[in-house]
């Protein structure tokens, strides 16, 4: 089988996520500068079999176009011209960056690393891909809307007792 490639398109850089060959698992691949995105995809398509592209469509809360929506539409046209045999799908990417940061918090990524926008973009692309795969399968799984208390990084009131300096 072929892979699905998801793109979180941005003005400076784009997050890329891909499925495994069986299209079961989504994983972040990398972050690419927007100006180098098409050449990156050309190289990737030569190495891997790609079934389709999925792009996050940046829409506002009311469904109207976001500030970069026109650039995404322009890129989609370029993508369709460059790879006419590979279908391009879009999915609403609303709140994916916030979900990405929340996910990084949940899995324990330190605050300094979460400030790395490339990491957030890659995670956003992964969320776009997961959402798309769930829509296709009819899966009703939803990401948590808040961090469970057991995963919170808040210190207990007796944290000084637990961490003595040597």
N, C-alpha and C. Protein backbone atom coordinates (compact mmCIF):
# COMPACT_ATOMS: atom_id res chain seq x y z
N UNK A 1 0.83 -1.19 0.00
CA UNK A 1 0.00 0.00 0.00
C UNK A 1 0.87 1.25 0.00
N UNK A 2 0.24 2.36 -0.22
CA UNK A 2 0.94 3.64 -0.27
C UNK A 2 0.67 4.44 0.98
N UNK A 3 1.50 5.42 1.18
CA UNK A 3 1.38 6.29 2.35
C UNK A 3 0.48 7.49 2.07
N UNK A 4 -0.06 8.05 3.13
CA UNK A 4 -0.76 9.33 3.06
C UNK A 4 0.17 10.36 3.66
N UNK A 5 0.32 11.49 2.99
CA UNK A 5 1.19 12.57 3.46
C UNK A 5 0.31 13.74 3.87
N UNK A 6 0.47 14.20 5.11
CA UNK A 6 -0.28 15.36 5.60
C UNK A 6 0.66 16.55 5.72
N UNK A 7 0.13 17.72 5.41
CA UNK A 7 0.93 18.95 5.43
C UNK A 7 0.21 20.01 6.24
N UNK A 8 0.90 20.55 7.23
CA UNK A 8 0.44 21.72 7.97
C UNK A 8 1.16 22.90 7.34
N UNK A 9 0.50 23.55 6.39
CA UNK A 9 1.11 24.60 5.58
C UNK A 9 1.21 25.89 6.38
N UNK A 10 2.38 26.51 6.35
CA UNK A 10 2.58 27.78 7.04
C UNK A 10 3.37 28.75 6.18
N UNK A 11 3.37 30.00 6.58
CA UNK A 11 4.08 31.03 5.83
C UNK A 11 5.58 30.85 5.82
N UNK A 12 6.15 30.36 6.91
CA UNK A 12 7.60 30.16 7.02
C UNK A 12 8.01 28.71 6.86
N UNK A 13 7.26 27.83 7.49
CA UNK A 13 7.61 26.41 7.45
C UNK A 13 6.35 25.57 7.45
N UNK A 14 6.52 24.31 7.05
CA UNK A 14 5.40 23.37 6.96
C UNK A 14 5.75 22.10 7.72
N UNK A 15 4.82 21.65 8.53
CA UNK A 15 4.98 20.38 9.20
C UNK A 15 4.52 19.26 8.28
N UNK A 16 5.24 18.16 8.29
CA UNK A 16 4.93 17.01 7.44
C UNK A 16 4.72 15.79 8.33
N UNK A 17 3.63 15.06 8.06
CA UNK A 17 3.38 13.80 8.75
C UNK A 17 3.01 12.76 7.70
N UNK A 18 3.28 11.51 7.99
CA UNK A 18 2.99 10.42 7.05
C UNK A 18 2.40 9.23 7.79
N UNK A 19 1.70 8.40 7.04
CA UNK A 19 1.23 7.14 7.60
C UNK A 19 2.28 6.07 7.32
N UNK A 20 2.12 4.95 7.97
CA UNK A 20 2.93 3.79 7.62
C UNK A 20 2.39 3.26 6.29
N UNK A 21 3.02 2.28 5.72
CA UNK A 21 2.62 1.75 4.41
C UNK A 21 1.22 1.15 4.43
N UNK A 22 0.75 0.68 5.60
CA UNK A 22 -0.59 0.10 5.70
C UNK A 22 -1.66 1.14 6.03
N UNK A 23 -1.24 2.39 6.19
CA UNK A 23 -2.12 3.51 6.51
C UNK A 23 -2.87 3.30 7.83
N UNK A 24 -2.14 2.81 8.81
CA UNK A 24 -2.73 2.58 10.13
C UNK A 24 -2.22 3.59 11.15
N UNK A 25 -0.93 3.90 11.08
CA UNK A 25 -0.29 4.76 12.08
C UNK A 25 0.15 6.07 11.43
N UNK A 26 -0.15 7.17 12.10
CA UNK A 26 0.31 8.49 11.65
C UNK A 26 1.49 8.90 12.52
N UNK A 27 2.52 9.45 11.88
CA UNK A 27 3.67 9.93 12.65
C UNK A 27 4.24 11.16 11.99
N UNK A 28 4.73 12.06 12.83
CA UNK A 28 5.38 13.26 12.32
C UNK A 28 6.66 12.88 11.60
N UNK A 29 6.89 13.48 10.45
CA UNK A 29 8.09 13.17 9.68
C UNK A 29 9.16 14.23 9.87
N UNK A 30 8.81 15.48 9.55
CA UNK A 30 9.79 16.55 9.64
C UNK A 30 9.10 17.89 9.46
N UNK A 31 9.90 18.94 9.49
CA UNK A 31 9.44 20.29 9.18
C UNK A 31 10.32 20.81 8.06
N UNK A 32 9.69 21.45 7.08
CA UNK A 32 10.39 21.94 5.91
C UNK A 32 10.06 23.41 5.72
N UNK A 33 11.06 24.21 5.34
CA UNK A 33 10.77 25.61 5.01
C UNK A 33 9.80 25.63 3.84
N UNK A 34 8.85 26.54 3.88
CA UNK A 34 7.80 26.60 2.86
C UNK A 34 8.39 26.75 1.46
N UNK A 35 9.44 27.53 1.33
CA UNK A 35 10.04 27.74 0.01
C UNK A 35 10.65 26.45 -0.55
N UNK A 36 10.98 25.48 0.31
CA UNK A 36 11.58 24.22 -0.12
C UNK A 36 10.58 23.05 -0.14
N UNK A 37 9.31 23.34 0.13
CA UNK A 37 8.33 22.27 0.29
C UNK A 37 8.12 21.44 -0.97
N UNK A 38 7.97 22.08 -2.11
CA UNK A 38 7.70 21.34 -3.34
C UNK A 38 8.87 20.43 -3.70
N UNK A 39 10.09 20.92 -3.56
CA UNK A 39 11.24 20.07 -3.88
C UNK A 39 11.35 18.91 -2.89
N UNK A 40 11.02 19.16 -1.63
CA UNK A 40 11.01 18.08 -0.64
C UNK A 40 10.00 17.00 -1.05
N UNK A 41 8.80 17.42 -1.44
CA UNK A 41 7.75 16.47 -1.82
C UNK A 41 8.14 15.70 -3.08
N UNK A 42 8.79 16.35 -4.02
CA UNK A 42 9.26 15.66 -5.23
C UNK A 42 10.21 14.53 -4.86
N UNK A 43 11.17 14.83 -3.98
CA UNK A 43 12.11 13.80 -3.54
C UNK A 43 11.40 12.69 -2.78
N UNK A 44 10.47 13.06 -1.92
CA UNK A 44 9.77 12.07 -1.12
C UNK A 44 8.94 11.12 -1.99
N UNK A 45 8.25 11.68 -2.98
CA UNK A 45 7.41 10.87 -3.86
C UNK A 45 8.26 9.92 -4.71
N UNK A 46 9.50 10.31 -5.01
CA UNK A 46 10.39 9.42 -5.75
C UNK A 46 10.83 8.23 -4.88
N UNK A 47 10.98 8.46 -3.57
CA UNK A 47 11.43 7.41 -2.66
C UNK A 47 10.30 6.52 -2.17
N UNK A 48 9.14 7.11 -1.90
CA UNK A 48 8.02 6.40 -1.29
C UNK A 48 6.80 6.46 -2.19
N UNK A 49 5.96 5.45 -2.09
CA UNK A 49 4.70 5.43 -2.81
C UNK A 49 3.68 6.23 -2.00
N UNK A 50 3.10 7.26 -2.61
CA UNK A 50 2.17 8.15 -1.92
C UNK A 50 0.77 7.99 -2.52
N UNK A 51 -0.20 7.67 -1.67
CA UNK A 51 -1.58 7.47 -2.11
C UNK A 51 -2.31 8.80 -2.25
N UNK A 52 -2.06 9.72 -1.31
CA UNK A 52 -2.71 11.02 -1.37
C UNK A 52 -2.04 12.01 -0.44
N UNK A 53 -2.34 13.28 -0.69
CA UNK A 53 -1.90 14.37 0.17
C UNK A 53 -3.11 14.88 0.93
N UNK A 54 -2.90 15.25 2.18
CA UNK A 54 -3.94 15.87 2.99
C UNK A 54 -3.38 17.18 3.52
N UNK A 55 -4.06 18.27 3.21
CA UNK A 55 -3.61 19.57 3.69
C UNK A 55 -4.60 20.13 4.69
N UNK A 56 -4.06 20.72 5.74
CA UNK A 56 -4.91 21.43 6.69
C UNK A 56 -5.38 22.72 6.06
N UNK A 57 -6.69 22.94 6.08
CA UNK A 57 -7.26 24.17 5.53
C UNK A 57 -7.53 25.12 6.70
N UNK A 58 -6.80 26.24 6.74
CA UNK A 58 -6.93 27.16 7.87
C UNK A 58 -8.19 28.02 7.76
N UNK A 59 -9.25 27.58 8.39
CA UNK A 59 -10.51 28.31 8.39
C UNK A 59 -10.74 28.95 9.74
N UNK A 60 -11.47 30.07 9.75
CA UNK A 60 -11.82 30.72 11.00
C UNK A 60 -12.95 29.96 11.68
N UNK A 61 -13.27 30.37 12.88
CA UNK A 61 -14.29 29.70 13.67
C UNK A 61 -15.65 29.70 12.97
N UNK A 62 -15.94 30.78 12.23
CA UNK A 62 -17.23 30.87 11.52
C UNK A 62 -17.21 30.18 10.16
N UNK A 63 -16.09 29.56 9.79
CA UNK A 63 -15.98 28.85 8.52
C UNK A 63 -15.43 29.69 7.39
N UNK A 64 -15.20 30.98 7.64
CA UNK A 64 -14.63 31.83 6.60
C UNK A 64 -13.12 31.59 6.49
N UNK A 65 -12.53 32.14 5.45
CA UNK A 65 -11.10 31.94 5.20
C UNK A 65 -10.24 32.60 6.27
N UNK A 66 -9.16 31.91 6.63
CA UNK A 66 -8.17 32.45 7.54
C UNK A 66 -7.16 33.29 6.78
N UNK A 67 -6.15 33.78 7.48
CA UNK A 67 -5.18 34.69 6.86
C UNK A 67 -4.28 34.00 5.82
N UNK A 68 -4.13 32.70 5.87
CA UNK A 68 -3.23 32.02 4.94
C UNK A 68 -3.98 31.06 4.00
N UNK A 69 -5.31 31.07 4.07
CA UNK A 69 -6.11 30.15 3.28
C UNK A 69 -5.84 30.27 1.78
N UNK A 70 -5.71 31.48 1.29
CA UNK A 70 -5.47 31.67 -0.15
C UNK A 70 -4.13 31.07 -0.57
N UNK A 71 -3.12 31.19 0.28
CA UNK A 71 -1.81 30.59 -0.02
C UNK A 71 -1.92 29.07 -0.07
N UNK A 72 -2.74 28.50 0.81
CA UNK A 72 -2.93 27.04 0.81
C UNK A 72 -3.62 26.62 -0.48
N UNK A 73 -4.64 27.35 -0.90
CA UNK A 73 -5.33 27.03 -2.15
C UNK A 73 -4.38 27.11 -3.35
N UNK A 74 -3.54 28.10 -3.35
CA UNK A 74 -2.56 28.25 -4.43
C UNK A 74 -1.59 27.06 -4.43
N UNK A 75 -1.15 26.65 -3.24
CA UNK A 75 -0.25 25.51 -3.14
C UNK A 75 -0.94 24.23 -3.60
N UNK A 76 -2.21 24.07 -3.28
CA UNK A 76 -2.96 22.88 -3.70
C UNK A 76 -2.98 22.80 -5.23
N UNK A 77 -3.18 23.92 -5.90
CA UNK A 77 -3.16 23.93 -7.37
C UNK A 77 -1.80 23.51 -7.90
N UNK A 78 -0.74 24.01 -7.29
CA UNK A 78 0.62 23.63 -7.69
C UNK A 78 0.84 22.13 -7.47
N UNK A 79 0.36 21.63 -6.35
CA UNK A 79 0.50 20.22 -6.01
C UNK A 79 -0.24 19.35 -7.02
N UNK A 80 -1.44 19.74 -7.39
CA UNK A 80 -2.24 18.98 -8.36
C UNK A 80 -1.60 18.99 -9.75
N UNK A 81 -0.94 20.09 -10.08
CA UNK A 81 -0.25 20.16 -11.37
C UNK A 81 1.01 19.30 -11.37
N UNK A 82 1.74 19.33 -10.26
CA UNK A 82 3.00 18.59 -10.17
C UNK A 82 2.78 17.09 -10.04
N UNK A 83 1.73 16.69 -9.31
CA UNK A 83 1.42 15.28 -9.07
C UNK A 83 -0.03 14.99 -9.47
N UNK A 84 -0.32 14.97 -10.77
CA UNK A 84 -1.72 14.83 -11.21
C UNK A 84 -2.36 13.49 -10.86
N UNK A 85 -1.56 12.47 -10.57
CA UNK A 85 -2.12 11.15 -10.24
C UNK A 85 -2.36 10.95 -8.75
N UNK A 86 -1.91 11.91 -7.94
CA UNK A 86 -2.07 11.79 -6.48
C UNK A 86 -3.16 12.77 -6.03
N UNK A 87 -4.26 12.24 -5.49
CA UNK A 87 -5.34 13.13 -5.04
C UNK A 87 -4.93 14.00 -3.85
N UNK A 88 -5.53 15.18 -3.78
CA UNK A 88 -5.28 16.12 -2.68
C UNK A 88 -6.60 16.34 -1.94
N UNK A 89 -6.58 16.09 -0.65
CA UNK A 89 -7.76 16.31 0.20
C UNK A 89 -7.43 17.43 1.18
N UNK A 90 -8.46 18.09 1.67
CA UNK A 90 -8.26 19.11 2.71
C UNK A 90 -9.10 18.73 3.93
N UNK A 91 -8.66 19.24 5.06
CA UNK A 91 -9.38 19.03 6.31
C UNK A 91 -9.22 20.31 7.14
N UNK A 92 -10.25 20.65 7.87
CA UNK A 92 -10.19 21.84 8.71
C UNK A 92 -9.11 21.66 9.76
N UNK A 93 -8.19 22.59 9.81
CA UNK A 93 -7.06 22.46 10.75
C UNK A 93 -7.23 23.34 11.98
N UNK A 94 -8.43 23.79 12.21
CA UNK A 94 -8.69 24.69 13.33
C UNK A 94 -8.22 24.07 14.65
N UNK A 95 -7.47 24.81 15.40
CA UNK A 95 -6.98 24.45 16.73
C UNK A 95 -5.90 23.36 16.73
N UNK A 96 -5.36 22.96 15.57
CA UNK A 96 -4.36 21.90 15.60
C UNK A 96 -3.08 22.33 16.32
N UNK A 97 -2.71 23.58 16.20
CA UNK A 97 -1.50 24.04 16.91
C UNK A 97 -1.70 23.98 18.41
N UNK A 98 -2.88 24.36 18.87
CA UNK A 98 -3.16 24.28 20.31
C UNK A 98 -3.21 22.83 20.77
N UNK A 99 -3.81 21.96 19.97
CA UNK A 99 -3.83 20.54 20.30
C UNK A 99 -2.41 19.97 20.33
N UNK A 100 -1.58 20.44 19.40
CA UNK A 100 -0.20 19.95 19.35
C UNK A 100 0.55 20.33 20.63
N UNK A 101 0.42 21.58 21.05
CA UNK A 101 1.08 22.01 22.28
C UNK A 101 0.54 21.23 23.47
N UNK A 102 -0.77 21.04 23.53
CA UNK A 102 -1.38 20.29 24.63
C UNK A 102 -0.85 18.85 24.65
N UNK A 103 -0.73 18.24 23.48
CA UNK A 103 -0.21 16.88 23.40
C UNK A 103 1.23 16.82 23.88
N UNK A 104 2.03 17.81 23.50
CA UNK A 104 3.42 17.85 23.94
C UNK A 104 3.51 18.00 25.46
N UNK A 105 2.60 18.76 26.04
CA UNK A 105 2.56 18.89 27.50
C UNK A 105 2.21 17.55 28.13
N UNK A 106 1.21 16.88 27.58
CA UNK A 106 0.75 15.60 28.13
C UNK A 106 1.85 14.55 28.12
N UNK A 107 2.62 14.52 27.03
CA UNK A 107 3.67 13.50 26.95
C UNK A 107 4.94 13.91 27.67
N UNK A 108 4.95 15.09 28.28
CA UNK A 108 6.06 15.49 29.13
C UNK A 108 7.22 16.18 28.44
N UNK A 109 6.99 16.77 27.27
CA UNK A 109 8.06 17.50 26.59
C UNK A 109 8.33 18.78 27.40
N UNK A 110 9.59 19.04 27.74
CA UNK A 110 9.93 20.23 28.52
C UNK A 110 9.50 21.53 27.82
N UNK A 111 9.24 22.54 28.63
CA UNK A 111 8.73 23.81 28.13
C UNK A 111 9.65 24.43 27.07
N UNK A 112 10.94 24.36 27.26
CA UNK A 112 11.88 24.95 26.30
C UNK A 112 11.77 24.27 24.93
N UNK A 113 11.58 22.97 24.91
CA UNK A 113 11.44 22.26 23.64
C UNK A 113 10.09 22.54 22.99
N UNK A 114 9.05 22.80 23.81
CA UNK A 114 7.73 23.12 23.25
C UNK A 114 7.74 24.47 22.56
N UNK A 115 8.70 25.31 22.87
CA UNK A 115 8.81 26.62 22.20
C UNK A 115 9.34 26.49 20.78
N UNK A 116 9.87 25.32 20.45
CA UNK A 116 10.38 25.04 19.11
C UNK A 116 9.19 24.92 18.15
N UNK A 117 8.97 25.94 17.33
CA UNK A 117 7.81 25.97 16.45
C UNK A 117 7.85 24.85 15.41
N UNK A 118 9.03 24.40 15.03
CA UNK A 118 9.14 23.30 14.07
C UNK A 118 8.55 22.02 14.66
N UNK A 119 8.79 21.79 15.94
CA UNK A 119 8.22 20.62 16.60
C UNK A 119 6.70 20.71 16.66
N UNK A 120 6.19 21.90 16.97
CA UNK A 120 4.74 22.10 17.03
C UNK A 120 4.13 21.91 15.64
N UNK A 121 4.79 22.41 14.59
CA UNK A 121 4.27 22.25 13.23
C UNK A 121 4.22 20.78 12.81
N UNK A 122 5.25 20.04 13.16
CA UNK A 122 5.29 18.60 12.84
C UNK A 122 4.18 17.87 13.58
N UNK A 123 3.97 18.21 14.84
CA UNK A 123 2.90 17.59 15.62
C UNK A 123 1.53 18.00 15.07
N UNK A 124 1.38 19.24 14.62
CA UNK A 124 0.12 19.69 14.03
C UNK A 124 -0.19 18.89 12.77
N UNK A 125 0.82 18.64 11.95
CA UNK A 125 0.61 17.82 10.75
C UNK A 125 0.16 16.41 11.13
N UNK A 126 0.72 15.89 12.19
CA UNK A 126 0.34 14.56 12.66
C UNK A 126 -1.13 14.55 13.12
N UNK A 127 -1.55 15.60 13.79
CA UNK A 127 -2.94 15.71 14.24
C UNK A 127 -3.87 15.84 13.04
N UNK A 128 -3.47 16.61 12.04
CA UNK A 128 -4.26 16.73 10.80
C UNK A 128 -4.44 15.36 10.18
N UNK A 129 -3.36 14.61 10.12
CA UNK A 129 -3.42 13.27 9.51
C UNK A 129 -4.28 12.32 10.34
N UNK A 130 -4.13 12.36 11.65
CA UNK A 130 -4.96 11.51 12.52
C UNK A 130 -6.44 11.85 12.35
N UNK A 131 -6.75 13.14 12.33
CA UNK A 131 -8.16 13.56 12.16
C UNK A 131 -8.71 13.06 10.82
N UNK A 132 -7.91 13.18 9.78
CA UNK A 132 -8.34 12.73 8.46
C UNK A 132 -8.59 11.21 8.46
N UNK A 133 -7.66 10.47 9.04
CA UNK A 133 -7.81 9.01 9.08
C UNK A 133 -9.03 8.60 9.89
N UNK A 134 -9.29 9.31 10.97
CA UNK A 134 -10.46 9.01 11.79
C UNK A 134 -11.76 9.33 11.04
N UNK A 135 -11.77 10.41 10.29
CA UNK A 135 -12.95 10.74 9.49
C UNK A 135 -13.21 9.67 8.44
N UNK A 136 -12.14 9.18 7.83
CA UNK A 136 -12.29 8.17 6.78
C UNK A 136 -12.78 6.84 7.34
N UNK A 137 -12.37 6.54 8.56
CA UNK A 137 -12.77 5.25 9.15
C UNK A 137 -14.09 5.35 9.90
N UNK A 138 -14.58 6.57 10.13
CA UNK A 138 -15.81 6.74 10.89
C UNK A 138 -15.59 6.60 12.38
N UNK A 139 -14.32 6.63 12.81
CA UNK A 139 -13.97 6.48 14.22
C UNK A 139 -14.38 7.73 14.97
N UNK A 140 -15.00 7.57 16.09
CA UNK A 140 -15.48 8.71 16.89
C UNK A 140 -14.49 9.11 17.97
N UNK A 141 -13.25 8.65 17.90
CA UNK A 141 -12.24 8.99 18.90
C UNK A 141 -12.00 10.50 18.90
N UNK A 142 -11.88 11.07 20.07
CA UNK A 142 -11.62 12.51 20.18
C UNK A 142 -10.42 12.73 21.08
N UNK A 143 -9.65 13.74 20.77
CA UNK A 143 -8.52 14.09 21.61
C UNK A 143 -9.05 14.67 22.92
N UNK A 144 -8.34 14.48 24.04
CA UNK A 144 -8.81 15.05 25.29
C UNK A 144 -8.83 16.56 25.22
N UNK A 145 -9.82 17.17 25.85
CA UNK A 145 -9.92 18.62 25.82
C UNK A 145 -9.19 19.28 26.97
N UNK A 146 -8.84 18.50 27.95
CA UNK A 146 -8.03 19.05 29.04
C UNK A 146 -7.08 17.97 29.55
N UNK A 147 -6.06 18.41 30.24
CA UNK A 147 -5.06 17.48 30.74
C UNK A 147 -5.63 16.78 31.97
N UNK A 148 -5.61 15.45 31.98
CA UNK A 148 -6.07 14.74 33.17
C UNK A 148 -5.23 15.13 34.37
N UNK A 149 -5.84 15.22 35.57
CA UNK A 149 -5.09 15.64 36.76
C UNK A 149 -3.87 14.78 37.04
N UNK A 150 -3.93 13.51 36.70
CA UNK A 150 -2.79 12.63 36.98
C UNK A 150 -1.59 12.96 36.10
N UNK A 151 -1.81 13.65 34.97
CA UNK A 151 -0.71 14.00 34.09
C UNK A 151 -0.26 15.44 34.27
N UNK A 152 -0.91 16.16 35.14
CA UNK A 152 -0.57 17.54 35.37
C UNK A 152 0.82 17.63 35.99
N UNK A 153 1.55 18.68 35.69
CA UNK A 153 2.90 18.85 36.23
C UNK A 153 2.91 19.71 37.50
N UNK A 154 1.75 19.94 38.08
CA UNK A 154 1.71 20.74 39.31
C UNK A 154 2.41 19.99 40.43
N UNK A 155 3.08 20.74 41.27
CA UNK A 155 3.77 20.14 42.40
C UNK A 155 2.79 19.97 43.56
N UNK A 156 3.03 18.96 44.32
CA UNK A 156 2.23 18.78 45.52
C UNK A 156 2.67 19.80 46.56
N UNK A 157 1.85 19.97 47.59
CA UNK A 157 2.18 20.95 48.62
C UNK A 157 3.43 20.58 49.40
N UNK A 158 3.78 19.30 49.38
CA UNK A 158 4.97 18.87 50.12
C UNK A 158 6.11 18.52 49.18
N UNK A 159 6.20 19.23 48.05
CA UNK A 159 7.23 18.91 47.07
C UNK A 159 8.64 19.11 47.60
N UNK A 160 8.81 20.04 48.53
CA UNK A 160 10.15 20.27 49.09
C UNK A 160 10.60 19.09 49.93
N UNK A 161 9.65 18.40 50.55
CA UNK A 161 10.00 17.24 51.34
C UNK A 161 10.48 16.09 50.43
N UNK A 162 9.89 16.02 49.23
CA UNK A 162 10.21 14.92 48.31
C UNK A 162 11.53 15.15 47.58
N UNK A 163 11.93 16.40 47.40
CA UNK A 163 13.13 16.72 46.63
C UNK A 163 14.11 17.49 47.51
N UNK A 164 14.94 16.77 48.24
CA UNK A 164 15.94 17.41 49.11
C UNK A 164 17.21 17.66 48.33
N UNK A 165 17.80 18.81 48.57
CA UNK A 165 19.08 19.14 47.93
C UNK A 165 20.19 18.43 48.66
N UNK A 166 21.17 18.07 47.88
CA UNK A 166 22.33 17.38 48.48
C UNK A 166 23.49 18.33 48.61
